[in-house]
Amino acid sequence: MLKLDVDSKTKVLVVEALPKGELEPIRVEVRGYRLTQEGARTVLEFDSLTTSREWLTKLAETLLPQKRVELPEGAPVELLKVLV
């Protein structure tokens, strides 16, 4: 990961990373994020997700139509709550 910006006031999360084999970094921007609890599970919900690659944005729209990601067990949820 090259860069991580979290703006908890505007609820914008930006990640820049340079995956192996890529020449240019990929930027991912998540707007309107929030952490919610569903029983014992923590879920990251968001209003929009865009990337610097059109195909990757389309893939995210296809794979995450409900605009949510269940965090895996063992995820540092308490740390995430402090950061976001």
PDB file of N, CA and C in Angstrom:
ATOM      1  N   MET A   1       0.851  -1.158   0.000  1.00  0.00           N
ATOM      2  CA  MET A   1       0.000   0.000   0.000  1.00  0.00           C
ATOM      3  C   MET A   1       0.903   1.229   0.000  1.00  0.00           C
ATOM      4  N   LEU A   2       0.565   2.173  -0.850  1.00  0.00           N
ATOM      5  CA  LEU A   2       1.327   3.403  -0.942  1.00  0.00           C
ATOM      6  C   LEU A   2       0.753   4.504  -0.067  1.00  0.00           C
ATOM      7  N   LYS A   3      -0.583   4.533   0.031  1.00  0.00           N
ATOM      8  CA  LYS A   3      -1.230   5.644   0.716  1.00  0.00           C
ATOM      9  C   LYS A   3      -2.582   5.210   1.268  1.00  0.00           C
ATOM     10  N   LEU A   4      -2.899   5.712   2.446  1.00  0.00           N
ATOM     11  CA  LEU A   4      -4.205   5.486   3.049  1.00  0.00           C
ATOM     12  C   LEU A   4      -4.638   6.793   3.683  1.00  0.00           C
ATOM     13  N   ASP A   5      -5.757   7.336   3.228  1.00  0.00           N
ATOM     14  CA  ASP A   5      -6.332   8.551   3.796  1.00  0.00           C
ATOM     15  C   ASP A   5      -7.724   8.225   4.314  1.00  0.00           C
ATOM     16  N   VAL A   6      -7.976   8.590   5.560  1.00  0.00           N
ATOM     17  CA  VAL A   6      -9.288   8.394   6.161  1.00  0.00           C
ATOM     18  C   VAL A   6      -9.766   9.741   6.666  1.00  0.00           C
ATOM     19  N   ASP A   7     -10.888  10.199   6.154  1.00  0.00           N
ATOM     20  CA  ASP A   7     -11.504  11.434   6.632  1.00  0.00           C
ATOM     21  C   ASP A   7     -12.802  11.055   7.324  1.00  0.00           C
ATOM     22  N   SER A   8     -12.745  10.966   8.633  1.00  0.00           N
ATOM     23  CA  SER A   8     -13.907  10.497   9.384  1.00  0.00           C
ATOM     24  C   SER A   8     -15.034  11.532   9.427  1.00  0.00           C
ATOM     25  N   LYS A   9     -14.724  12.791   9.162  1.00  0.00           N
ATOM     26  CA  LYS A   9     -15.777  13.814   9.143  1.00  0.00           C
ATOM     27  C   LYS A   9     -16.624  13.714   7.880  1.00  0.00           C
ATOM     28  N   THR A  10     -15.972  13.576   6.725  1.00  0.00           N
ATOM     29  CA  THR A  10     -16.718  13.486   5.459  1.00  0.00           C
ATOM     30  C   THR A  10     -17.010  12.044   5.061  1.00  0.00           C
ATOM     31  N   LYS A  11     -16.477  11.095   5.838  1.00  0.00           N
ATOM     32  CA  LYS A  11     -16.677   9.659   5.593  1.00  0.00           C
ATOM     33  C   LYS A  11     -16.147   9.248   4.212  1.00  0.00           C
ATOM     34  N   VAL A  12     -14.902   9.668   3.932  1.00  0.00           N
ATOM     35  CA  VAL A  12     -14.238   9.298   2.682  1.00  0.00           C
ATOM     36  C   VAL A  12     -12.957   8.551   3.027  1.00  0.00           C
ATOM     37  N   LEU A  13     -12.785   7.397   2.395  1.00  0.00           N
ATOM     38  CA  LEU A  13     -11.609   6.552   2.581  1.00  0.00           C
ATOM     39  C   LEU A  13     -10.940   6.397   1.222  1.00  0.00           C
ATOM     40  N   VAL A  14      -9.639   6.693   1.140  1.00  0.00           N
ATOM     41  CA  VAL A  14      -8.905   6.579  -0.118  1.00  0.00           C
ATOM     42  C   VAL A  14      -7.685   5.693   0.108  1.00  0.00           C
ATOM     43  N   VAL A  15      -7.526   4.701  -0.762  1.00  0.00           N
ATOM     44  CA  VAL A  15      -6.376   3.805  -0.721  1.00  0.00           C
ATOM     45  C   VAL A  15      -5.692   3.859  -2.074  1.00  0.00           C
ATOM     46  N   GLU A  16      -4.369   3.994  -2.058  1.00  0.00           N
ATOM     47  CA  GLU A  16      -3.583   3.865  -3.282  1.00  0.00           C
ATOM     48  C   GLU A  16      -2.610   2.724  -3.068  1.00  0.00           C
ATOM     49  N   ALA A  17      -2.562   1.824  -4.043  1.00  0.00           N
ATOM     50  CA  ALA A  17      -1.696   0.656  -3.956  1.00  0.00           C
ATOM     51  C   ALA A  17      -1.101   0.372  -5.324  1.00  0.00           C
ATOM     52  N   LEU A  18       0.046  -0.260  -5.318  1.00  0.00           N
ATOM     53  CA  LEU A  18       0.704  -0.660  -6.554  1.00  0.00           C
ATOM     54  C   LEU A  18       0.795  -2.181  -6.564  1.00  0.00           C
ATOM     55  N   PRO A  19      -0.222  -2.841  -7.148  1.00  0.00           N
ATOM     56  CA  PRO A  19      -0.196  -4.308  -7.202  1.00  0.00           C
ATOM     57  C   PRO A  19       0.984  -4.812  -8.026  1.00  0.00           C
ATOM     58  N   LYS A  20       1.450  -5.975  -7.674  1.00  0.00           N
ATOM     59  CA  LYS A  20       2.550  -6.601  -8.393  1.00  0.00           C
ATOM     60  C   LYS A  20       2.190  -6.712  -9.875  1.00  0.00           C
ATOM     61  N   GLY A  21       3.100  -6.278 -10.726  1.00  0.00           N
ATOM     62  CA  GLY A  21       2.883  -6.352 -12.168  1.00  0.00           C
ATOM     63  C   GLY A  21       2.280  -5.102 -12.769  1.00  0.00           C
ATOM     64  N   GLU A  22       1.751  -4.206 -11.942  1.00  0.00           N
ATOM     65  CA  GLU A  22       1.166  -2.954 -12.427  1.00  0.00           C
ATOM     66  C   GLU A  22       2.246  -1.876 -12.498  1.00  0.00           C
ATOM     67  N   LEU A  23       2.141  -1.010 -13.482  1.00  0.00           N
ATOM     68  CA  LEU A  23       3.090   0.083 -13.624  1.00  0.00           C
ATOM     69  C   LEU A  23       2.646   1.347 -12.907  1.00  0.00           C
ATOM     70  N   GLU A  24       1.340   1.525 -12.783  1.00  0.00           N
ATOM     71  CA  GLU A  24       0.772   2.705 -12.145  1.00  0.00           C
ATOM     72  C   GLU A  24      -0.062   2.271 -10.939  1.00  0.00           C
ATOM     73  N   PRO A  25      -0.064   3.080  -9.877  1.00  0.00           N
ATOM     74  CA  PRO A  25      -0.880   2.738  -8.705  1.00  0.00           C
ATOM     75  C   PRO A  25      -2.370   2.722  -9.041  1.00  0.00           C
ATOM     76  N   ILE A  26      -3.096   1.936  -8.272  1.00  0.00           N
ATOM     77  CA  ILE A  26      -4.550   1.899  -8.370  1.00  0.00           C
ATOM     78  C   ILE A  26      -5.103   2.665  -7.180  1.00  0.00           C
ATOM     79  N   ARG A  27      -6.059   3.531  -7.452  1.00  0.00           N
ATOM     80  CA  ARG A  27      -6.696   4.340  -6.403  1.00  0.00           C
ATOM     81  C   ARG A  27      -8.110   3.820  -6.188  1.00  0.00           C
ATOM     82  N   VAL A  28      -8.472   3.623  -4.938  1.00  0.00           N
ATOM     83  CA  VAL A  28      -9.819   3.205  -4.566  1.00  0.00           C
ATOM     84  C   VAL A  28     -10.373   4.257  -3.606  1.00  0.00           C
ATOM     85  N   GLU A  29     -11.552   4.767  -3.914  1.00  0.00           N
ATOM     86  CA  GLU A  29     -12.189   5.764  -3.059  1.00  0.00           C
ATOM     87  C   GLU A  29     -13.550   5.243  -2.622  1.00  0.00           C
ATOM     88  N   VAL A  30     -13.747   5.226  -1.319  1.00  0.00           N
ATOM     89  CA  VAL A  30     -15.002   4.769  -0.729  1.00  0.00           C
ATOM     90  C   VAL A  30     -15.639   5.971  -0.036  1.00  0.00           C
ATOM     91  N   ARG A  31     -16.868   6.298  -0.428  1.00  0.00           N
ATOM     92  CA  ARG A  31     -17.584   7.450   0.148  1.00  0.00           C
ATOM     93  C   ARG A  31     -18.789   6.977   0.952  1.00  0.00           C
ATOM     94  N   GLY A  32     -19.044   7.692   2.024  1.00  0.00           N
ATOM     95  CA  GLY A  32     -20.210   7.374   2.848  1.00  0.00           C
ATOM     96  C   GLY A  32     -20.079   6.056   3.570  1.00  0.00           C
ATOM     97  N   TYR A  33     -18.885   5.751   4.063  1.00  0.00           N
ATOM     98  CA  TYR A  33     -18.679   4.462   4.720  1.00  0.00           C
ATOM     99  C   TYR A  33     -19.188   4.491   6.160  1.00  0.00           C
ATOM    100  N   ARG A  34     -19.514   3.307   6.658  1.00  0.00           N
ATOM    101  CA  ARG A  34     -19.917   3.147   8.053  1.00  0.00           C
ATOM    102  C   ARG A  34     -19.744   1.683   8.446  1.00  0.00           C
ATOM    103  N   LEU A  35     -19.438   1.468   9.712  1.00  0.00           N
ATOM    104  CA  LEU A  35     -19.344   0.115  10.255  1.00  0.00           C
ATOM    105  C   LEU A  35     -20.630  -0.174  11.010  1.00  0.00           C
ATOM    106  N   THR A  36     -21.213  -1.332  10.731  1.00  0.00           N
ATOM    107  CA  THR A  36     -22.426  -1.739  11.434  1.00  0.00           C
ATOM    108  C   THR A  36     -22.230  -3.141  11.988  1.00  0.00           C
ATOM    109  N   GLN A  37     -23.050  -3.493  12.950  1.00  0.00           N
ATOM    110  CA  GLN A  37     -23.011  -4.829  13.547  1.00  0.00           C
ATOM    111  C   GLN A  37     -24.245  -5.602  13.141  1.00  0.00           C
ATOM    112  N   GLU A  38     -24.049  -6.835  12.755  1.00  0.00           N
ATOM    113  CA  GLU A  38     -25.149  -7.764  12.492  1.00  0.00           C
ATOM    114  C   GLU A  38     -24.866  -9.011  13.308  1.00  0.00           C
ATOM    115  N   GLY A  39     -25.433  -9.055  14.501  1.00  0.00           N
ATOM    116  CA  GLY A  39     -25.093 -10.141  15.411  1.00  0.00           C
ATOM    117  C   GLY A  39     -23.636 -10.002  15.811  1.00  0.00           C
ATOM    118  N   ALA A  40     -22.870 -11.069  15.602  1.00  0.00           N
ATOM    119  CA  ALA A  40     -21.449 -11.048  15.952  1.00  0.00           C
ATOM    120  C   ALA A  40     -20.577 -10.526  14.799  1.00  0.00           C
ATOM    121  N   ARG A  41     -21.179 -10.290  13.643  1.00  0.00           N
ATOM    122  CA  ARG A  41     -20.424  -9.864  12.470  1.00  0.00           C
ATOM    123  C   ARG A  41     -20.389  -8.349  12.344  1.00  0.00           C
ATOM    124  N   THR A  42     -19.243  -7.848  11.867  1.00  0.00           N
ATOM    125  CA  THR A  42     -19.112  -6.427  11.565  1.00  0.00           C
ATOM    126  C   THR A  42     -19.166  -6.271  10.053  1.00  0.00           C
ATOM    127  N   VAL A  43     -19.905  -5.273   9.597  1.00  0.00           N
ATOM    128  CA  VAL A  43     -20.103  -5.050   8.168  1.00  0.00           C
ATOM    129  C   VAL A  43     -19.662  -3.634   7.827  1.00  0.00           C
ATOM    130  N   LEU A  44     -18.908  -3.511   6.741  1.00  0.00           N
ATOM    131  CA  LEU A  44     -18.553  -2.206   6.197  1.00  0.00           C
ATOM    132  C   LEU A  44     -19.555  -1.903   5.095  1.00  0.00           C
ATOM    133  N   GLU A  45     -20.345  -0.857   5.286  1.00  0.00           N
ATOM    134  CA  GLU A  45     -21.317  -0.421   4.281  1.00  0.00           C
ATOM    135  C   GLU A  45     -20.833   0.907   3.715  1.00  0.00           C
ATOM    136  N   PHE A  46     -21.222   1.206   2.479  1.00  0.00           N
ATOM    137  CA  PHE A  46     -20.779   2.446   1.846  1.00  0.00           C
ATOM    138  C   PHE A  46     -21.796   2.913   0.822  1.00  0.00           C
ATOM    139  N   ASP A  47     -21.719   4.211   0.494  1.00  0.00           N
ATOM    140  CA  ASP A  47     -22.624   4.790  -0.497  1.00  0.00           C
ATOM    141  C   ASP A  47     -22.080   4.632  -1.915  1.00  0.00           C
ATOM    142  N   SER A  48     -20.755   4.783  -2.083  1.00  0.00           N
ATOM    143  CA  SER A  48     -20.175   4.625  -3.415  1.00  0.00           C
ATOM    144  C   SER A  48     -18.731   4.157  -3.310  1.00  0.00           C
ATOM    145  N   LEU A  49     -18.301   3.446  -4.337  1.00  0.00           N
ATOM    146  CA  LEU A  49     -16.934   2.966  -4.441  1.00  0.00           C
ATOM    147  C   LEU A  49     -16.488   3.191  -5.873  1.00  0.00           C
ATOM    148  N   THR A  50     -15.418   3.939  -6.053  1.00  0.00           N
ATOM    149  CA  THR A  50     -14.860   4.169  -7.384  1.00  0.00           C
ATOM    150  C   THR A  50     -13.377   3.865  -7.354  1.00  0.00           C
ATOM    151  N   THR A  51     -12.837   3.545  -8.527  1.00  0.00           N
ATOM    152  CA  THR A  51     -11.411   3.264  -8.637  1.00  0.00           C
ATOM    153  C   THR A  51     -10.847   4.015  -9.839  1.00  0.00           C
ATOM    154  N   SER A  52      -9.540   3.981  -9.931  1.00  0.00           N
ATOM    155  CA  SER A  52      -8.870   4.637 -11.054  1.00  0.00           C
ATOM    156  C   SER A  52      -8.875   3.775 -12.313  1.00  0.00           C
ATOM    157  N   ARG A  53      -9.447   2.596 -12.211  1.00  0.00           N
ATOM    158  CA  ARG A  53      -9.577   1.710 -13.365  1.00  0.00           C
ATOM    159  C   ARG A  53     -11.061   1.443 -13.587  1.00  0.00           C
ATOM    160  N   GLU A  54     -11.559   1.817 -14.754  1.00  0.00           N
ATOM    161  CA  GLU A  54     -12.995   1.668 -15.025  1.00  0.00           C
ATOM    162  C   GLU A  54     -13.446   0.224 -14.849  1.00  0.00           C
ATOM    163  N   TRP A  55     -12.651  -0.728 -15.338  1.00  0.00           N
ATOM    164  CA  TRP A  55     -13.031  -2.130 -15.264  1.00  0.00           C
ATOM    165  C   TRP A  55     -13.124  -2.592 -13.809  1.00  0.00           C
ATOM    166  N   LEU A  56     -12.264  -2.052 -12.951  1.00  0.00           N
ATOM    167  CA  LEU A  56     -12.278  -2.435 -11.540  1.00  0.00           C
ATOM    168  C   LEU A  56     -13.500  -1.849 -10.823  1.00  0.00           C
ATOM    169  N   THR A  57     -13.881  -0.645 -11.183  1.00  0.00           N
ATOM    170  CA  THR A  57     -15.095  -0.049 -10.633  1.00  0.00           C
ATOM    171  C   THR A  57     -16.315  -0.870 -11.043  1.00  0.00           C
ATOM    172  N   LYS A  58     -16.374  -1.263 -12.317  1.00  0.00           N
ATOM    173  CA  LYS A  58     -17.494  -2.087 -12.803  1.00  0.00           C
ATOM    174  C   LYS A  58     -17.534  -3.434 -12.086  1.00  0.00           C
ATOM    175  N   LEU A  59     -16.356  -4.013 -11.853  1.00  0.00           N
ATOM    176  CA  LEU A  59     -16.280  -5.288 -11.146  1.00  0.00           C
ATOM    177  C   LEU A  59     -16.821  -5.134  -9.722  1.00  0.00           C
ATOM    178  N   ALA A  60     -16.432  -4.065  -9.047  1.00  0.00           N
ATOM    179  CA  ALA A  60     -16.929  -3.820  -7.692  1.00  0.00           C
ATOM    180  C   ALA A  60     -18.448  -3.642  -7.689  1.00  0.00           C
ATOM    181  N   GLU A  61     -18.962  -2.918  -8.678  1.00  0.00           N
ATOM    182  CA  GLU A  61     -20.416  -2.736  -8.770  1.00  0.00           C
ATOM    183  C   GLU A  61     -21.129  -4.064  -8.964  1.00  0.00           C
ATOM    184  N   THR A  62     -20.515  -4.964  -9.734  1.00  0.00           N
ATOM    185  CA  THR A  62     -21.108  -6.273 -10.002  1.00  0.00           C
ATOM    186  C   THR A  62     -21.036  -7.183  -8.781  1.00  0.00           C
ATOM    187  N   LEU A  63     -19.870  -7.190  -8.113  1.00  0.00           N
ATOM    188  CA  LEU A  63     -19.670  -8.100  -6.987  1.00  0.00           C
ATOM    189  C   LEU A  63     -20.245  -7.583  -5.672  1.00  0.00           C
ATOM    190  N   LEU A  64     -20.448  -6.268  -5.578  1.00  0.00           N
ATOM    191  CA  LEU A  64     -20.949  -5.676  -4.343  1.00  0.00           C
ATOM    192  C   LEU A  64     -22.198  -4.823  -4.599  1.00  0.00           C
ATOM    193  N   PRO A  65     -23.241  -5.418  -5.178  1.00  0.00           N
ATOM    194  CA  PRO A  65     -24.425  -4.622  -5.517  1.00  0.00           C
ATOM    195  C   PRO A  65     -25.115  -4.023  -4.297  1.00  0.00           C
ATOM    196  N   GLN A  66     -24.963  -4.652  -3.146  1.00  0.00           N
ATOM    197  CA  GLN A  66     -25.603  -4.140  -1.927  1.00  0.00           C
ATOM    198  C   GLN A  66     -24.715  -3.123  -1.206  1.00  0.00           C
ATOM    199  N   LYS A  67     -23.527  -2.849  -1.784  1.00  0.00           N
ATOM    200  CA  LYS A  67     -22.591  -1.857  -1.240  1.00  0.00           C
ATOM    201  C   LYS A  67     -22.253  -2.152   0.212  1.00  0.00           C
ATOM    202  N   ARG A  68     -21.794  -3.378   0.438  1.00  0.00           N
ATOM    203  CA  ARG A  68     -21.425  -3.813   1.782  1.00  0.00           C
ATOM    204  C   ARG A  68     -20.449  -4.978   1.719  1.00  0.00           C
ATOM    205  N   VAL A  69     -19.594  -5.062   2.737  1.00  0.00           N
ATOM    206  CA  VAL A  69     -18.609  -6.137   2.838  1.00  0.00           C
ATOM    207  C   VAL A  69     -18.601  -6.622   4.277  1.00  0.00           C
ATOM    208  N   GLU A  70     -18.825  -7.917   4.465  1.00  0.00           N
ATOM    209  CA  GLU A  70     -18.711  -8.493   5.802  1.00  0.00           C
ATOM    210  C   GLU A  70     -17.234  -8.645   6.122  1.00  0.00           C
ATOM    211  N   LEU A  71     -16.812  -8.125   7.264  1.00  0.00           N
ATOM    212  CA  LEU A  71     -15.419  -8.247   7.664  1.00  0.00           C
ATOM    213  C   LEU A  71     -15.191  -9.645   8.230  1.00  0.00           C
ATOM    214  N   PRO A  72     -14.035 -10.226   7.943  1.00  0.00           N
ATOM    215  CA  PRO A  72     -13.769 -11.584   8.423  1.00  0.00           C
ATOM    216  C   PRO A  72     -13.561 -11.617   9.933  1.00  0.00           C
ATOM    217  N   GLU A  73     -13.794 -12.793  10.509  1.00  0.00           N
ATOM    218  CA  GLU A  73     -13.511 -12.971  11.933  1.00  0.00           C
ATOM    219  C   GLU A  73     -12.041 -12.675  12.153  1.00  0.00           C
ATOM    220  N   GLY A  74     -11.750 -12.049  13.256  1.00  0.00           N
ATOM    221  CA  GLY A  74     -10.364 -11.721  13.561  1.00  0.00           C
ATOM    222  C   GLY A  74      -9.925 -10.371  13.009  1.00  0.00           C
ATOM    223  N   ALA A  75     -10.799  -9.712  12.261  1.00  0.00           N
ATOM    224  CA  ALA A  75     -10.470  -8.374  11.752  1.00  0.00           C
ATOM    225  C   ALA A  75     -10.345  -7.431  12.953  1.00  0.00           C
ATOM    226  N   PRO A  76      -9.413  -6.498  12.900  1.00  0.00           N
ATOM    227  CA  PRO A  76      -9.225  -5.589  14.041  1.00  0.00           C
ATOM    228  C   PRO A  76     -10.341  -4.539  14.124  1.00  0.00           C
ATOM    229  N   VAL A  77     -11.522  -4.995  14.472  1.00  0.00           N
ATOM    230  CA  VAL A  77     -12.724  -4.159  14.450  1.00  0.00           C
ATOM    231  C   VAL A  77     -12.593  -2.961  15.385  1.00  0.00           C
ATOM    232  N   GLU A  78     -12.068  -3.170  16.584  1.00  0.00           N
ATOM    233  CA  GLU A  78     -11.953  -2.055  17.537  1.00  0.00           C
ATOM    234  C   GLU A  78     -11.002  -0.992  16.992  1.00  0.00           C
ATOM    235  N   LEU A  79      -9.925  -1.390  16.358  1.00  0.00           N
ATOM    236  CA  LEU A  79      -9.012  -0.434  15.732  1.00  0.00           C
ATOM    237  C   LEU A  79      -9.696   0.305  14.586  1.00  0.00           C
ATOM    238  N   LEU A  80     -10.450  -0.416  13.774  1.00  0.00           N
ATOM    239  CA  LEU A  80     -11.192   0.216  12.668  1.00  0.00           C
ATOM    240  C   LEU A  80     -12.185   1.243  13.184  1.00  0.00           C
ATOM    241  N   LYS A  81     -12.856   0.940  14.280  1.00  0.00           N
ATOM    242  CA  LYS A  81     -13.822   1.881  14.845  1.00  0.00           C
ATOM    243  C   LYS A  81     -13.149   3.172  15.279  1.00  0.00           C
ATOM    244  N   VAL A  82     -11.925   3.091  15.765  1.00  0.00           N
ATOM    245  CA  VAL A  82     -11.181   4.276  16.175  1.00  0.00           C
ATOM    246  C   VAL A  82     -10.763   5.082  14.939  1.00  0.00           C
ATOM    247  N   LEU A  83     -10.341   4.389  13.883  1.00  0.00           N
ATOM    248  CA  LEU A  83      -9.859   5.067  12.676  1.00  0.00           C
ATOM    249  C   LEU A  83     -10.960   5.711  11.867  1.00  0.00           C
ATOM    250  N   VAL A  84     -12.109   5.060  11.788  1.00  0.00           N
ATOM    251  CA  VAL A  84     -13.168   5.569  10.931  1.00  0.00           C
ATOM    252  C   VAL A  84     -14.196   6.324  11.734  1.00  0.00           C
TER     253      VAL A  84
END
